[in-house]
């Protein structure tokens, strides 16, 4: 039974830790954020608390669930943060178009460059 997750939002780059807390987690199993595995951190799985590596992803309302020996428990919602722009270059361009526009920021998604 998953009673809470922390954090409930994270960047699209993944690499942060997700901590589901609850009960009856056993000694090992699987954690998923949506359909992607959240890789458990070695030595940080107990009956009441797990720490795992949030996968790279995007979107809102992803279900986080723990499965132990084929038995899936309840799920809670997790969301990746929305895009944030920190810089746009150039700030002025000709009206005819055709110039390159560079957007700088975070959380542009998993296939951004």
Protein backbone atom coordinates (compact mmCIF):
# COMPACT_ATOMS: atom_id res chain seq x y z
CA UNK A 1 0.00 0.00 0.00
CA UNK A 2 1.58 3.27 -1.15
CA UNK A 3 0.53 6.03 1.25
CA UNK A 4 2.73 8.87 -0.04
CA UNK A 5 5.40 9.75 -2.59
CA UNK A 6 8.02 12.48 -2.39
CA UNK A 7 8.48 14.49 -4.51
CA UNK A 8 5.21 14.63 -6.43
CA UNK A 9 6.86 16.58 -9.28
CA UNK A 10 10.35 16.45 -10.82
CA UNK A 11 12.25 17.61 -13.89
CA UNK A 12 11.98 15.77 -17.21
CA UNK A 13 15.70 14.86 -17.03
CA UNK A 14 15.03 12.27 -14.32
CA UNK A 15 17.95 11.45 -11.99
CA UNK A 16 16.17 12.69 -8.84
CA UNK A 17 15.15 10.25 -6.14
CA UNK A 18 11.53 9.25 -5.65
CA UNK A 19 10.53 8.01 -2.19
CA UNK A 20 7.34 5.97 -1.93
CA UNK A 21 6.29 5.30 1.67
CA UNK A 22 3.62 2.94 2.91
CA UNK A 23 3.46 -0.67 4.00
CA UNK A 24 3.89 -4.26 2.80
CA UNK A 25 6.67 -3.46 0.30
CA UNK A 26 8.51 -6.71 1.10
CA UNK A 27 12.24 -6.91 0.40
CA UNK A 28 12.21 -6.29 -3.34
CA UNK A 29 9.93 -5.73 -6.29
CA UNK A 30 9.25 -3.19 -9.03
CA UNK A 31 8.36 0.49 -8.95
CA UNK A 32 6.98 2.24 -12.01
CA UNK A 33 6.32 5.85 -12.92
CA UNK A 34 3.71 5.46 -15.63
CA UNK A 35 5.08 2.59 -17.73
CA UNK A 36 8.76 3.37 -16.97
CA UNK A 37 10.73 1.58 -14.26
CA UNK A 38 11.96 3.63 -11.32
CA UNK A 39 15.26 1.90 -10.52
CA UNK A 40 15.59 1.09 -6.81
CA UNK A 41 18.66 2.49 -5.01
CA UNK A 42 20.68 -0.42 -3.61
CA UNK A 43 20.07 -0.97 0.09
CA UNK A 44 17.17 1.51 0.28
CA UNK A 45 14.18 -0.86 0.08
CA UNK A 46 12.31 -1.72 3.27
CA UNK A 47 8.79 -2.85 4.16
CA UNK A 48 7.70 0.78 4.59
CA UNK A 49 10.01 2.93 2.43
CA UNK A 50 11.74 2.71 -0.95
CA UNK A 51 14.10 5.08 -2.74
CA UNK A 52 14.42 4.87 -6.52
CA UNK A 53 15.85 6.86 -9.44
CA UNK A 54 13.11 8.79 -11.27
CA UNK A 55 13.25 7.88 -14.98
CA UNK A 56 13.56 10.47 -17.74
CA UNK A 57 10.06 11.38 -18.83
CA UNK A 58 7.38 13.95 -19.46
CA UNK A 59 3.71 14.48 -18.75
CA UNK A 60 1.34 14.83 -15.84
CA UNK A 61 -0.72 12.37 -13.83
CA UNK A 62 1.72 9.49 -14.17
CA UNK A 63 0.73 6.66 -11.86
CA UNK A 64 3.37 5.48 -9.39
CA UNK A 65 2.92 1.94 -8.16
CA UNK A 66 4.83 -0.78 -6.34
CA UNK A 67 4.56 -4.44 -7.36
CA UNK A 68 5.86 -7.16 -5.03
CA UNK A 69 5.95 -10.82 -6.16
CA UNK A 70 3.44 -10.09 -8.94
CA UNK A 71 0.97 -8.34 -6.63
CA UNK A 72 0.33 -4.70 -7.56
CA UNK A 73 -0.80 -2.25 -4.92
CA UNK A 74 -2.56 1.07 -5.23
CA UNK A 75 -1.11 3.99 -7.20
CA UNK A 76 -0.51 7.69 -6.59
CA UNK A 77 -0.02 10.45 -9.15
CA UNK A 78 3.31 12.01 -10.12
CA UNK A 79 3.96 14.73 -12.69
CA UNK A 80 6.98 15.98 -14.57
CA UNK A 81 7.49 19.74 -14.37
CA UNK A 82 6.37 21.92 -17.29
CA UNK A 83 8.88 23.64 -19.60
CA UNK A 84 10.47 26.84 -18.31
CA UNK A 85 12.07 29.40 -20.63
CA UNK A 86 15.06 31.31 -19.28
CA UNK A 87 16.36 32.90 -22.48
CA UNK A 88 15.27 33.61 -26.07
CA UNK A 89 17.81 34.67 -28.73
CA UNK A 90 17.59 36.84 -30.71
CA UNK A 91 15.04 39.12 -29.03
CA UNK A 92 14.50 40.98 -32.31
CA UNK A 93 14.43 39.50 -35.83
CA UNK A 94 13.46 40.68 -39.33
CA UNK A 95 9.78 40.41 -40.24
CA UNK A 96 10.67 38.31 -43.28
CA UNK A 97 11.55 35.36 -41.02
CA UNK A 98 14.13 32.73 -41.77
CA UNK A 99 16.38 33.52 -38.80
CA UNK A 100 17.29 30.87 -36.25
CA UNK A 101 15.57 31.25 -32.86
CA UNK A 102 17.24 29.70 -29.81
CA UNK A 103 15.17 28.84 -26.73
CA UNK A 104 17.04 28.09 -23.50
CA UNK A 105 15.46 26.62 -20.38
CA UNK A 106 14.55 23.43 -18.60
CA UNK A 107 12.06 20.57 -18.86
CA UNK A 108 11.66 20.63 -22.64
CA UNK A 109 10.90 16.91 -22.63
CA UNK A 110 12.71 13.70 -23.42
CA UNK A 111 13.33 14.34 -27.12
CA UNK A 112 14.39 17.98 -26.98
CA UNK A 113 17.72 19.39 -28.10
